[in-house]
Amino acid sequence: MKFNKFLLFMIIATFAVVLAACRTDAGEENGSKKNNASAKVSADLKGSVVIDGSGTVYPLMARLAEEYMVNEQENVSVEVSRAGTSAGFKKFLVDNGTDFNDASRQIKDEEAAEADKLGIEVKELKVALDGLTFVINKDNDWATEMTPEQLISIFLADGTVEKWSDINPDWPNEKINAMGPNENHGTYEFFYEKILDKQDMKSTVNLQQEYSTLVNLVSEDKNGIAFFGFGYYVNNGDKLQAVAVDFGNGAVEPALDTIAEDGAYADFTRPVFTYLNVNHAKEKPQVKDFAIYVMNNINKFAGETGFAPIPENEAKENISFLEGLK
């Protein structure tokens, strides 16, 4: 009798194990089918994503584009150019324009009006925080710390500063060679509108289209000084040095831990953006997919390209918006 009960128990146990295994196999098969279907949808993405605009934002977006094409969507081509913020908006705000415009300043009212006129829905995506950085030659051992007022005086048209000694009598009696990006760049507009408060800039300021040109000019000129985004300084720290700025509580160097909208370098901190053509995102799956990828990974790559991260909640809000596009 005991043997029969034991035998019955073993039969029931064996059946239960076999049944569980069948269910597991079926579950795994169904899960595999779902994963394969998801992967197929993802792998089916192809086409192009076209980005232009800010030279400041360029290194960050180029890095994201590279990662996306290599690790996410090898059949999608992401083209990133750097005409400058304002020049980029001219390519963005036209029929069949670019998919994204990177910008180191916010869209202007007249640009937004042009978008409305053309029926282009535009979404502003804040991607990082940048610190406006003033750079000088490595051999300049006197102007390593300045106040905002002193820096501004170098560029103002109606100022009295022409030589270093005009700022500090102990400094060299030599002409200052001021430089910066030209009017195509949002960095120029940020500097003119926010730092100079729309006061005229000296006509002698050497304005350039390429940031690499500014790097070379300052690195070869002991009396040179220029302004641009922190990322370009970080990538050329072997050729240049950054001016530490005294905002009233001691000199502060631009750095990832000081660049913040409420940080020690706040007065020279600015958000940078990419603007999305929402119409394109609805029409072209690869554009929407790349936009979501950018916002999911933006803080991962911000630091290595010279930008401070944005708050995670801001990134998540934009992701929710993008995922809801249909």
C-alpha atoms as a PDB file:
ATOM      1  CA  MET A   1       0.000   0.000   0.000  1.00  0.00           C
ATOM      2  CA  LYS A   2       2.817   2.361   0.908  1.00  0.00           C
ATOM      3  CA  PHE A   3       4.558   1.462  -2.350  1.00  0.00           C
ATOM      4  CA  ASN A   4       1.427   2.285  -4.370  1.00  0.00           C
ATOM      5  CA  LYS A   5       1.102   5.672  -2.653  1.00  0.00           C
ATOM      6  CA  PHE A   6       4.758   6.416  -3.315  1.00  0.00           C
ATOM      7  CA  LEU A   7       4.398   5.395  -6.963  1.00  0.00           C
ATOM      8  CA  LEU A   8       1.322   7.604  -7.346  1.00  0.00           C
ATOM      9  CA  PHE A   9       3.197  10.529  -5.784  1.00  0.00           C
ATOM     10  CA  MET A  10       6.123  10.086  -8.189  1.00  0.00           C
ATOM     11  CA  ILE A  11       3.816   9.983 -11.224  1.00  0.00           C
ATOM     12  CA  ILE A  12       2.046  13.191 -10.157  1.00  0.00           C
ATOM     13  CA  ALA A  13       5.358  14.957  -9.421  1.00  0.00           C
ATOM     14  CA  THR A  14       6.809  13.924 -12.780  1.00  0.00           C
ATOM     15  CA  PHE A  15       3.704  15.171 -14.595  1.00  0.00           C
ATOM     16  CA  ALA A  16       3.912  18.525 -12.787  1.00  0.00           C
ATOM     17  CA  VAL A  17       7.554  18.964 -13.773  1.00  0.00           C
ATOM     18  CA  VAL A  18       6.815  18.126 -17.414  1.00  0.00           C
ATOM     19  CA  LEU A  19       3.836  20.517 -17.450  1.00  0.00           C
ATOM     20  CA  ALA A  20       5.917  23.331 -15.946  1.00  0.00           C
ATOM     21  CA  ALA A  21       8.658  22.736 -18.490  1.00  0.00           C
ATOM     22  CA  CYS A  22       6.162  22.895 -21.340  1.00  0.00           C
ATOM     23  CA  ARG A  23       4.772  26.153 -20.031  1.00  0.00           C
ATOM     24  CA  THR A  24       8.278  27.577 -19.656  1.00  0.00           C
ATOM     25  CA  ASP A  25       9.212  26.536 -23.182  1.00  0.00           C
ATOM     26  CA  ALA A  26       5.992  28.048 -24.518  1.00  0.00           C
ATOM     27  CA  GLY A  27       6.603  31.247 -22.544  1.00  0.00           C
ATOM     28  CA  GLU A  28      10.169  31.471 -23.756  1.00  0.00           C
ATOM     29  CA  GLU A  29       9.026  30.805 -27.313  1.00  0.00           C
ATOM     30  CA  ASN A  30       6.377  33.527 -27.098  1.00  0.00           C
ATOM     31  CA  GLY A  31       8.858  35.898 -25.457  1.00  0.00           C
ATOM     32  CA  SER A  32      11.396  35.084 -28.127  1.00  0.00           C
ATOM     33  CA  LYS A  33       8.844  35.786 -30.837  1.00  0.00           C
ATOM     34  CA  LYS A  34       7.982  39.131 -29.222  1.00  0.00           C
ATOM     35  CA  ASN A  35      11.647  40.074 -28.856  1.00  0.00           C
ATOM     36  CA  ASN A  36      12.350  39.027 -32.430  1.00  0.00           C
ATOM     37  CA  ALA A  37       9.388  41.058 -33.640  1.00  0.00           C
ATOM     38  CA  SER A  38      10.587  44.074 -31.653  1.00  0.00           C
ATOM     39  CA  ALA A  39      14.095  43.631 -32.971  1.00  0.00           C
ATOM     40  CA  LYS A  40      12.739  43.316 -36.506  1.00  0.00           C
ATOM     41  CA  VAL A  41      10.815  46.578 -36.187  1.00  0.00           C
ATOM     42  CA  SER A  42      13.947  48.256 -34.831  1.00  0.00           C
ATOM     43  CA  ALA A  43      16.171  46.724 -37.507  1.00  0.00           C
ATOM     44  CA  ASP A  44      13.768  47.879 -40.232  1.00  0.00           C
ATOM     45  CA  LEU A  45      14.617  51.525 -39.576  1.00  0.00           C
ATOM     46  CA  LYS A  46      16.517  53.103 -42.419  1.00  0.00           C
ATOM     47  CA  GLY A  47      16.936  56.417 -44.162  1.00  0.00           C
ATOM     48  CA  SER A  48      18.643  59.572 -43.005  1.00  0.00           C
ATOM     49  CA  VAL A  49      18.566  62.139 -40.202  1.00  0.00           C
ATOM     50  CA  VAL A  50      19.905  65.585 -41.094  1.00  0.00           C
ATOM     51  CA  ILE A  51      21.215  67.954 -38.409  1.00  0.00           C
ATOM     52  CA  ASP A  52      22.829  71.376 -38.749  1.00  0.00           C
ATOM     53  CA  GLY A  53      23.343  74.460 -36.638  1.00  0.00           C
ATOM     54  CA  SER A  54      25.491  75.304 -33.649  1.00  0.00           C
ATOM     55  CA  GLY A  55      29.215  74.706 -33.783  1.00  0.00           C
ATOM     56  CA  THR A  56      29.206  74.675 -29.985  1.00  0.00           C
ATOM     57  CA  VAL A  57      26.705  71.813 -29.797  1.00  0.00           C
ATOM     58  CA  TYR A  58      28.310  69.986 -32.725  1.00  0.00           C
ATOM     59  CA  PRO A  59      30.776  67.799 -30.729  1.00  0.00           C
ATOM     60  CA  LEU A  60      27.982  66.481 -28.507  1.00  0.00           C
ATOM     61  CA  MET A  61      25.566  65.727 -31.342  1.00  0.00           C
ATOM     62  CA  ALA A  62      28.299  64.229 -33.516  1.00  0.00           C
ATOM     63  CA  ARG A  63      29.224  61.879 -30.663  1.00  0.00           C
ATOM     64  CA  LEU A  64      25.609  60.820 -30.205  1.00  0.00           C
ATOM     65  CA  ALA A  65      25.190  60.313 -33.947  1.00  0.00           C
ATOM     66  CA  GLU A  66      28.249  58.083 -34.066  1.00  0.00           C
ATOM     67  CA  GLU A  67      27.044  55.941 -31.174  1.00  0.00           C
ATOM     68  CA  TYR A  68      23.569  55.681 -32.671  1.00  0.00           C
ATOM     69  CA  MET A  69      24.785  54.558 -36.090  1.00  0.00           C
ATOM     70  CA  VAL A  70      27.279  52.050 -34.679  1.00  0.00           C
ATOM     71  CA  ASN A  71      25.296  50.556 -31.801  1.00  0.00           C
ATOM     72  CA  GLU A  72      21.626  51.248 -32.500  1.00  0.00           C
ATOM     73  CA  GLN A  73      20.686  51.671 -36.145  1.00  0.00           C
ATOM     74  CA  GLU A  74      23.373  50.794 -38.664  1.00  0.00           C
ATOM     75  CA  ASN A  75      20.964  51.351 -41.575  1.00  0.00           C
ATOM     76  CA  VAL A  76      20.234  54.943 -40.583  1.00  0.00           C
ATOM     77  CA  SER A  77      22.616  57.696 -41.690  1.00  0.00           C
ATOM     78  CA  VAL A  78      22.851  60.638 -39.273  1.00  0.00           C
ATOM     79  CA  GLU A  79      24.529  63.654 -40.849  1.00  0.00           C
ATOM     80  CA  VAL A  80      25.692  66.390 -38.458  1.00  0.00           C
ATOM     81  CA  SER A  81      26.940  69.744 -39.779  1.00  0.00           C
ATOM     82  CA  ARG A  82      27.871  73.027 -38.053  1.00  0.00           C
ATOM     83  CA  ALA A  83      26.886  76.091 -40.060  1.00  0.00           C
ATOM     84  CA  GLY A  84      26.184  77.991 -36.838  1.00  0.00           C
ATOM     85  CA  THR A  85      22.929  78.514 -34.951  1.00  0.00           C
ATOM     86  CA  SER A  86      21.494  81.325 -37.070  1.00  0.00           C
ATOM     87  CA  ALA A  87      22.677  79.905 -40.389  1.00  0.00           C
ATOM     88  CA  GLY A  88      21.305  76.546 -39.296  1.00  0.00           C
ATOM     89  CA  PHE A  89      17.839  77.958 -38.619  1.00  0.00           C
ATOM     90  CA  LYS A  90      17.753  79.210 -42.219  1.00  0.00           C
ATOM     91  CA  LYS A  91      18.212  75.604 -43.366  1.00  0.00           C
ATOM     92  CA  PHE A  92      15.716  74.308 -40.785  1.00  0.00           C
ATOM     93  CA  LEU A  93      12.887  76.772 -41.445  1.00  0.00           C
ATOM     94  CA  VAL A  94      12.223  75.930 -45.083  1.00  0.00           C
ATOM     95  CA  ASP A  95      10.161  73.327 -46.891  1.00  0.00           C
ATOM     96  CA  ASN A  96      11.981  69.977 -46.703  1.00  0.00           C
ATOM     97  CA  GLY A  97      14.543  71.492 -44.372  1.00  0.00           C
ATOM     98  CA  THR A  98      16.789  69.795 -41.860  1.00  0.00           C
ATOM     99  CA  ASP A  99      15.325  67.499 -39.200  1.00  0.00           C
ATOM    100  CA  PHE A 100      17.118  69.143 -36.274  1.00  0.00           C
ATOM    101  CA  ASN A 101      18.793  72.488 -35.694  1.00  0.00           C
ATOM    102  CA  ASP A 102      21.343  72.628 -32.893  1.00  0.00           C
ATOM    103  CA  ALA A 103      21.393  75.986 -31.142  1.00  0.00           C
ATOM    104  CA  SER A 104      23.506  77.698 -28.526  1.00  0.00           C
ATOM    105  CA  ARG A 105      20.679  80.159 -27.876  1.00  0.00           C
ATOM    106  CA  GLN A 106      16.907  79.945 -27.901  1.00  0.00           C
ATOM    107  CA  ILE A 107      14.875  80.335 -31.052  1.00  0.00           C
ATOM    108  CA  LYS A 108      14.036  83.979 -31.812  1.00  0.00           C
ATOM    109  CA  ASP A 109      10.495  85.314 -32.105  1.00  0.00           C
ATOM    110  CA  GLU A 110      10.918  85.961 -35.817  1.00  0.00           C
ATOM    111  CA  GLU A 111      12.221  82.418 -36.347  1.00  0.00           C
ATOM    112  CA  ALA A 112       9.270  80.966 -34.453  1.00  0.00           C
ATOM    113  CA  ALA A 113       6.939  83.127 -36.557  1.00  0.00           C
ATOM    114  CA  GLU A 114       8.544  81.785 -39.739  1.00  0.00           C
ATOM    115  CA  ALA A 115       7.972  78.238 -38.493  1.00  0.00           C
ATOM    116  CA  ASP A 116       4.282  79.008 -37.915  1.00  0.00           C
ATOM    117  CA  LYS A 117       4.011  80.557 -41.367  1.00  0.00           C
ATOM    118  CA  LEU A 118       5.453  77.405 -42.944  1.00  0.00           C
ATOM    119  CA  GLY A 119       3.325  75.089 -40.815  1.00  0.00           C
ATOM    120  CA  ILE A 120       6.374  73.578 -39.119  1.00  0.00           C
ATOM    121  CA  GLU A 121       5.781  72.374 -35.565  1.00  0.00           C
ATOM    122  CA  VAL A 122       8.995  72.934 -33.623  1.00  0.00           C
ATOM    123  CA  LYS A 123       9.972  71.274 -30.360  1.00  0.00           C
ATOM    124  CA  GLU A 124      12.740  72.754 -28.221  1.00  0.00           C
ATOM    125  CA  LEU A 125      14.916  70.083 -26.622  1.00  0.00           C
ATOM    126  CA  LYS A 126      17.343  71.311 -23.992  1.00  0.00           C
ATOM    127  CA  VAL A 127      20.377  69.052 -24.268  1.00  0.00           C
ATOM    128  CA  ALA A 128      23.103  70.425 -21.964  1.00  0.00           C
ATOM    129  CA  LEU A 129      24.616  73.343 -20.080  1.00  0.00           C
ATOM    130  CA  ASP A 130      27.609  75.225 -21.449  1.00  0.00           C
ATOM    131  CA  GLY A 131      29.955  77.735 -19.858  1.00  0.00           C
ATOM    132  CA  LEU A 132      31.035  80.734 -21.932  1.00  0.00           C
ATOM    133  CA  THR A 133      34.816  80.552 -21.671  1.00  0.00           C
ATOM    134  CA  PHE A 134      37.439  83.227 -22.263  1.00  0.00           C
ATOM    135  CA  VAL A 135      40.745  81.795 -23.399  1.00  0.00           C
ATOM    136  CA  ILE A 136      44.226  83.281 -23.542  1.00  0.00           C
ATOM    137  CA  ASN A 137      47.658  82.213 -24.706  1.00  0.00           C
ATOM    138  CA  LYS A 138      49.622  79.740 -22.592  1.00  0.00           C
ATOM    139  CA  ASP A 139      52.389  82.327 -22.136  1.00  0.00           C
ATOM    140  CA  ASN A 140      50.017  84.952 -20.791  1.00  0.00           C
ATOM    141  CA  ASP A 141      50.829  84.953 -17.062  1.00  0.00           C
ATOM    142  CA  TRP A 142      49.095  88.201 -16.090  1.00  0.00           C
ATOM    143  CA  ALA A 143      45.451  88.056 -17.257  1.00  0.00           C
ATOM    144  CA  THR A 144      44.675  84.659 -15.737  1.00  0.00           C
ATOM    145  CA  GLU A 145      41.979  86.148 -13.476  1.00  0.00           C
ATOM    146  CA  MET A 146      39.552  88.932 -14.383  1.00  0.00           C
ATOM    147  CA  THR A 147      36.180  90.287 -13.397  1.00  0.00           C
ATOM    148  CA  PRO A 148      33.235  90.207 -15.831  1.00  0.00           C
ATOM    149  CA  GLU A 149      33.531  93.993 -16.158  1.00  0.00           C
ATOM    150  CA  GLN A 150      37.181  93.761 -17.163  1.00  0.00           C
ATOM    151  CA  LEU A 151      36.452  91.086 -19.745  1.00  0.00           C
ATOM    152  CA  ILE A 152      33.553  93.061 -21.194  1.00  0.00           C
ATOM    153  CA  SER A 153      35.678  96.224 -21.427  1.00  0.00           C
ATOM    154  CA  ILE A 154      38.032  94.461 -23.832  1.00  0.00           C
ATOM    155  CA  PHE A 155      35.230  94.010 -26.390  1.00  0.00           C
ATOM    156  CA  LEU A 156      33.122  97.174 -25.967  1.00  0.00           C
ATOM    157  CA  ALA A 157      33.228  99.732 -28.790  1.00  0.00           C
ATOM    158  CA  ASP A 158      32.902 102.747 -26.497  1.00  0.00           C
ATOM    159  CA  GLY A 159      35.353 101.439 -23.913  1.00  0.00           C
ATOM    160  CA  THR A 160      38.765 102.868 -23.135  1.00  0.00           C
ATOM    161  CA  VAL A 161      40.579  99.550 -23.055  1.00  0.00           C
ATOM    162  CA  GLU A 162      43.045  98.948 -25.892  1.00  0.00           C
ATOM    163  CA  LYS A 163      46.071  97.592 -24.033  1.00  0.00           C
ATOM    164  CA  TRP A 164      46.502  95.213 -21.117  1.00  0.00           C
ATOM    165  CA  SER A 165      47.864  98.101 -19.063  1.00  0.00           C
ATOM    166  CA  ASP A 166      44.507  99.897 -19.479  1.00  0.00           C
ATOM    167  CA  ILE A 167      42.984  97.155 -17.309  1.00  0.00           C
ATOM    168  CA  ASN A 168      45.830  96.955 -14.810  1.00  0.00           C
ATOM    169  CA  PRO A 169      48.871  99.269 -14.863  1.00  0.00           C
ATOM    170  CA  ASP A 170      51.050  96.349 -13.773  1.00  0.00           C
ATOM    171  CA  TRP A 171      50.159  94.440 -16.934  1.00  0.00           C
ATOM    172  CA  PRO A 172      52.080  94.780 -20.244  1.00  0.00           C
ATOM    173  CA  ASN A 173      51.728  97.969 -22.247  1.00  0.00           C
ATOM    174  CA  GLU A 174      50.773  95.927 -25.305  1.00  0.00           C
ATOM    175  CA  LYS A 175      47.692  95.905 -27.545  1.00  0.00           C
ATOM    176  CA  ILE A 176      45.024  93.307 -26.788  1.00  0.00           C
ATOM    177  CA  ASN A 177      43.968  91.242 -29.779  1.00  0.00           C
ATOM    178  CA  ALA A 178      40.335  90.334 -29.140  1.00  0.00           C
ATOM    179  CA  MET A 179      38.636  87.564 -31.126  1.00  0.00           C
ATOM    180  CA  GLY A 180      35.433  85.553 -31.219  1.00  0.00           C
ATOM    181  CA  PRO A 181      32.942  83.628 -33.378  1.00  0.00           C
ATOM    182  CA  ASN A 182      31.066  85.537 -36.061  1.00  0.00           C
ATOM    183  CA  GLU A 183      27.383  86.431 -36.386  1.00  0.00           C
ATOM    184  CA  ASN A 184      26.418  82.997 -37.727  1.00  0.00           C
ATOM    185  CA  HIS A 185      26.941  81.556 -34.257  1.00  0.00           C
ATOM    186  CA  GLY A 186      24.586  81.555 -31.319  1.00  0.00           C
ATOM    187  CA  THR A 187      27.628  82.069 -29.098  1.00  0.00           C
ATOM    188  CA  TYR A 188      28.180  85.461 -30.718  1.00  0.00           C
ATOM    189  CA  GLU A 189      24.520  86.355 -30.163  1.00  0.00           C
ATOM    190  CA  PHE A 190      24.592  85.153 -26.563  1.00  0.00           C
ATOM    191  CA  PHE A 191      27.704  87.236 -25.935  1.00  0.00           C
ATOM    192  CA  TYR A 192      26.282  90.313 -27.645  1.00  0.00           C
ATOM    193  CA  GLU A 193      22.805  90.107 -26.126  1.00  0.00           C
ATOM    194  CA  LYS A 194      23.435  88.701 -22.660  1.00  0.00           C
ATOM    195  CA  ILE A 195      27.017  89.657 -21.789  1.00  0.00           C
ATOM    196  CA  LEU A 196      27.425  92.967 -23.657  1.00  0.00           C
ATOM    197  CA  ASP A 197      23.746  93.773 -23.078  1.00  0.00           C
ATOM    198  CA  LYS A 198      23.434  94.677 -26.795  1.00  0.00           C
ATOM    199  CA  GLN A 199      26.119  97.333 -26.600  1.00  0.00           C
ATOM    200  CA  ASP A 200      28.217  97.713 -29.733  1.00  0.00           C
ATOM    201  CA  MET A 201      31.290  95.531 -30.100  1.00  0.00           C
ATOM    202  CA  LYS A 202      34.580  96.963 -31.308  1.00  0.00           C
ATOM    203  CA  SER A 203      34.972  96.770 -35.067  1.00  0.00           C
ATOM    204  CA  THR A 204      38.517  95.509 -34.514  1.00  0.00           C
ATOM    205  CA  VAL A 205      37.380  92.265 -32.864  1.00  0.00           C
ATOM    206  CA  ASN A 206      38.523  89.431 -35.134  1.00  0.00           C
ATOM    207  CA  LEU A 207      35.374  87.376 -35.775  1.00  0.00           C
ATOM    208  CA  GLN A 208      35.772  83.915 -37.289  1.00  0.00           C
ATOM    209  CA  GLN A 209      33.461  81.221 -38.653  1.00  0.00           C
ATOM    210  CA  GLU A 210      35.519  78.278 -37.412  1.00  0.00           C
ATOM    211  CA  TYR A 211      36.292  77.704 -33.744  1.00  0.00           C
ATOM    212  CA  SER A 212      39.420  75.829 -34.732  1.00  0.00           C
ATOM    213  CA  THR A 213      40.695  79.048 -36.328  1.00  0.00           C
ATOM    214  CA  LEU A 214      40.180  80.906 -33.056  1.00  0.00           C
ATOM    215  CA  VAL A 215      42.064  78.197 -31.172  1.00  0.00           C
ATOM    216  CA  ASN A 216      45.030  78.508 -33.537  1.00  0.00           C
ATOM    217  CA  LEU A 217      45.042  82.312 -33.502  1.00  0.00           C
ATOM    218  CA  VAL A 218      45.076  82.580 -29.703  1.00  0.00           C
ATOM    219  CA  SER A 219      47.601  79.773 -29.307  1.00  0.00           C
ATOM    220  CA  GLU A 220      50.006  81.705 -31.560  1.00  0.00           C
ATOM    221  CA  ASP A 221      49.408  85.180 -30.080  1.00  0.00           C
ATOM    222  CA  LYS A 222      50.611  86.061 -26.602  1.00  0.00           C
ATOM    223  CA  ASN A 223      48.223  89.034 -26.564  1.00  0.00           C
ATOM    224  CA  GLY A 224      45.230  87.175 -27.930  1.00  0.00           C
ATOM    225  CA  ILE A 225      41.953  86.567 -26.114  1.00  0.00           C
ATOM    226  CA  ALA A 226      38.801  84.898 -27.427  1.00  0.00           C
ATOM    227  CA  PHE A 227      35.472  83.545 -26.198  1.00  0.00           C
ATOM    228  CA  PHE A 228      33.623  80.345 -27.038  1.00  0.00           C
ATOM    229  CA  GLY A 229      31.996  77.313 -25.441  1.00  0.00           C
ATOM    230  CA  PHE A 230      33.718  75.359 -22.687  1.00  0.00           C
ATOM    231  CA  GLY A 231      33.890  72.202 -24.805  1.00  0.00           C
ATOM    232  CA  TYR A 232      36.268  73.779 -27.308  1.00  0.00           C
ATOM    233  CA  TYR A 233      38.524  74.865 -24.476  1.00  0.00           C
ATOM    234  CA  VAL A 234      38.519  71.374 -22.925  1.00  0.00           C
ATOM    235  CA  ASN A 235      39.493  69.820 -26.235  1.00  0.00           C
ATOM    236  CA  ASN A 236      42.321  72.319 -26.670  1.00  0.00           C
ATOM    237  CA  GLY A 237      43.573  72.680 -23.116  1.00  0.00           C
ATOM    238  CA  ASP A 238      47.077  71.793 -24.251  1.00  0.00           C
ATOM    239  CA  LYS A 239      47.160  74.935 -26.409  1.00  0.00           C
ATOM    240  CA  LEU A 240      45.205  77.454 -24.342  1.00  0.00           C
ATOM    241  CA  GLN A 241      44.355  78.460 -20.808  1.00  0.00           C
ATOM    242  CA  ALA A 242      40.998  79.643 -19.506  1.00  0.00           C
ATOM    243  CA  VAL A 243      40.540  82.901 -17.635  1.00  0.00           C
ATOM    244  CA  ALA A 244      39.156  82.412 -14.124  1.00  0.00           C
ATOM    245  CA  VAL A 245      36.319  84.891 -13.560  1.00  0.00           C
ATOM    246  CA  ASP A 246      35.734  86.721 -10.294  1.00  0.00           C
ATOM    247  CA  PHE A 247      31.991  87.282 -10.016  1.00  0.00           C
ATOM    248  CA  GLY A 248      32.420  88.805  -6.564  1.00  0.00           C
ATOM    249  CA  ASN A 249      33.329  85.842  -4.390  1.00  0.00           C
ATOM    250  CA  GLY A 250      36.765  84.967  -5.727  1.00  0.00           C
ATOM    251  CA  ALA A 251      37.958  83.731  -9.096  1.00  0.00           C
ATOM    252  CA  VAL A 252      36.064  80.756 -10.545  1.00  0.00           C
ATOM    253  CA  GLU A 253      37.387  78.587 -13.335  1.00  0.00           C
ATOM    254  CA  PRO A 254      34.909  77.159 -15.828  1.00  0.00           C
ATOM    255  CA  ALA A 255      34.586  73.427 -15.117  1.00  0.00           C
ATOM    256  CA  LEU A 256      31.924  70.742 -15.177  1.00  0.00           C
ATOM    257  CA  ASP A 257      31.327  71.199 -11.453  1.00  0.00           C
ATOM    258  CA  THR A 258      31.033  75.017 -11.639  1.00  0.00           C
ATOM    259  CA  ILE A 259      28.973  75.314 -14.844  1.00  0.00           C
ATOM    260  CA  ALA A 260      25.365  75.296 -13.640  1.00  0.00           C
ATOM    261  CA  GLU A 261      22.385  77.611 -13.757  1.00  0.00           C
ATOM    262  CA  ASP A 262      22.656  77.961  -9.986  1.00  0.00           C
ATOM    263  CA  GLY A 263      26.395  77.275  -9.647  1.00  0.00           C
ATOM    264  CA  ALA A 264      29.533  79.327  -9.076  1.00  0.00           C
ATOM    265  CA  TYR A 265      29.859  80.014 -12.824  1.00  0.00           C
ATOM    266  CA  ALA A 266      26.140  80.725 -13.261  1.00  0.00           C
ATOM    267  CA  ASP A 267      26.529  84.215 -14.735  1.00  0.00           C
ATOM    268  CA  PHE A 268      28.348  82.783 -17.749  1.00  0.00           C
ATOM    269  CA  THR A 269      26.335  79.529 -17.923  1.00  0.00           C
ATOM    270  CA  ARG A 270      23.770  78.995 -20.663  1.00  0.00           C
ATOM    271  CA  PRO A 271      21.561  76.118 -21.800  1.00  0.00           C
ATOM    272  CA  VAL A 272      22.105  74.740 -25.289  1.00  0.00           C
ATOM    273  CA  PHE A 273      19.471  73.082 -27.425  1.00  0.00           C
ATOM    274  CA  THR A 274      18.505  71.088 -30.423  1.00  0.00           C
ATOM    275  CA  TYR A 275      15.257  71.990 -32.171  1.00  0.00           C
ATOM    276  CA  LEU A 276      13.213  69.186 -33.706  1.00  0.00           C
ATOM    277  CA  ASN A 277      10.945  69.437 -36.742  1.00  0.00           C
ATOM    278  CA  VAL A 278       8.010  67.566 -35.210  1.00  0.00           C
ATOM    279  CA  ASN A 279       6.379  67.122 -38.630  1.00  0.00           C
ATOM    280  CA  HIS A 280       9.442  65.149 -39.743  1.00  0.00           C
ATOM    281  CA  ALA A 281       9.440  63.102 -36.537  1.00  0.00           C
ATOM    282  CA  LYS A 282       5.843  62.061 -37.214  1.00  0.00           C
ATOM    283  CA  GLU A 283       6.556  61.248 -40.869  1.00  0.00           C
ATOM    284  CA  LYS A 284       9.967  59.591 -40.531  1.00  0.00           C
ATOM    285  CA  PRO A 285      10.380  56.906 -37.825  1.00  0.00           C
ATOM    286  CA  GLN A 286      14.179  57.243 -37.837  1.00  0.00           C
ATOM    287  CA  VAL A 287      13.941  60.933 -36.903  1.00  0.00           C
ATOM    288  CA  LYS A 288      11.676  60.197 -33.935  1.00  0.00           C
ATOM    289  CA  ASP A 289      13.837  57.258 -32.886  1.00  0.00           C
ATOM    290  CA  PHE A 290      17.007  59.337 -32.961  1.00  0.00           C
ATOM    291  CA  ALA A 291      15.353  62.125 -30.968  1.00  0.00           C
ATOM    292  CA  ILE A 292      14.371  59.637 -28.251  1.00  0.00           C
ATOM    293  CA  TYR A 293      17.871  58.151 -28.301  1.00  0.00           C
ATOM    294  CA  VAL A 294      19.388  61.614 -27.835  1.00  0.00           C
ATOM    295  CA  MET A 295      17.288  62.423 -24.790  1.00  0.00           C
ATOM    296  CA  ASN A 296      17.869  58.983 -23.261  1.00  0.00           C
ATOM    297  CA  ASN A 297      21.640  59.283 -23.620  1.00  0.00           C
ATOM    298  CA  ILE A 298      22.365  63.004 -23.534  1.00  0.00           C
ATOM    299  CA  ASN A 299      23.747  63.093 -19.995  1.00  0.00           C
ATOM    300  CA  LYS A 300      25.888  60.028 -20.672  1.00  0.00           C
ATOM    301  CA  PHE A 301      27.924  61.873 -23.282  1.00  0.00           C
ATOM    302  CA  ALA A 302      27.615  65.500 -22.110  1.00  0.00           C
ATOM    303  CA  GLY A 303      30.615  65.434 -19.777  1.00  0.00           C
ATOM    304  CA  GLU A 304      33.049  63.847 -22.215  1.00  0.00           C
ATOM    305  CA  THR A 305      32.298  66.572 -24.793  1.00  0.00           C
ATOM    306  CA  GLY A 306      32.651  69.474 -22.351  1.00  0.00           C
ATOM    307  CA  PHE A 307      29.062  70.049 -21.216  1.00  0.00           C
ATOM    308  CA  ALA A 308      27.378  69.901 -17.837  1.00  0.00           C
ATOM    309  CA  PRO A 309      24.290  67.639 -17.702  1.00  0.00           C
ATOM    310  CA  ILE A 310      20.687  68.741 -17.589  1.00  0.00           C
ATOM    311  CA  PRO A 311      18.367  67.600 -14.770  1.00  0.00           C
ATOM    312  CA  GLU A 312      17.088  64.063 -15.381  1.00  0.00           C
ATOM    313  CA  ASN A 313      13.462  65.134 -14.923  1.00  0.00           C
ATOM    314  CA  GLU A 314      13.800  67.556 -17.855  1.00  0.00           C
ATOM    315  CA  ALA A 315      15.153  64.796 -20.081  1.00  0.00           C
ATOM    316  CA  LYS A 316      12.323  62.459 -19.031  1.00  0.00           C
ATOM    317  CA  GLU A 317       9.665  65.088 -19.812  1.00  0.00           C
ATOM    318  CA  ASN A 318      11.019  65.409 -23.340  1.00  0.00           C
ATOM    319  CA  ILE A 319      11.170  61.627 -23.749  1.00  0.00           C
ATOM    320  CA  SER A 320       7.493  61.343 -22.755  1.00  0.00           C
ATOM    321  CA  PHE A 321       6.604  64.001 -25.328  1.00  0.00           C
ATOM    322  CA  LEU A 322       8.600  62.270 -28.073  1.00  0.00           C
ATOM    323  CA  GLU A 323       7.221  58.809 -27.333  1.00  0.00           C
ATOM    324  CA  GLY A 324       3.707  60.213 -27.628  1.00  0.00           C
ATOM    325  CA  LEU A 325       4.210  61.509 -31.180  1.00  0.00           C
ATOM    326  CA  LYS A 326       2.070  59.744 -33.768  1.00  0.00           C
END
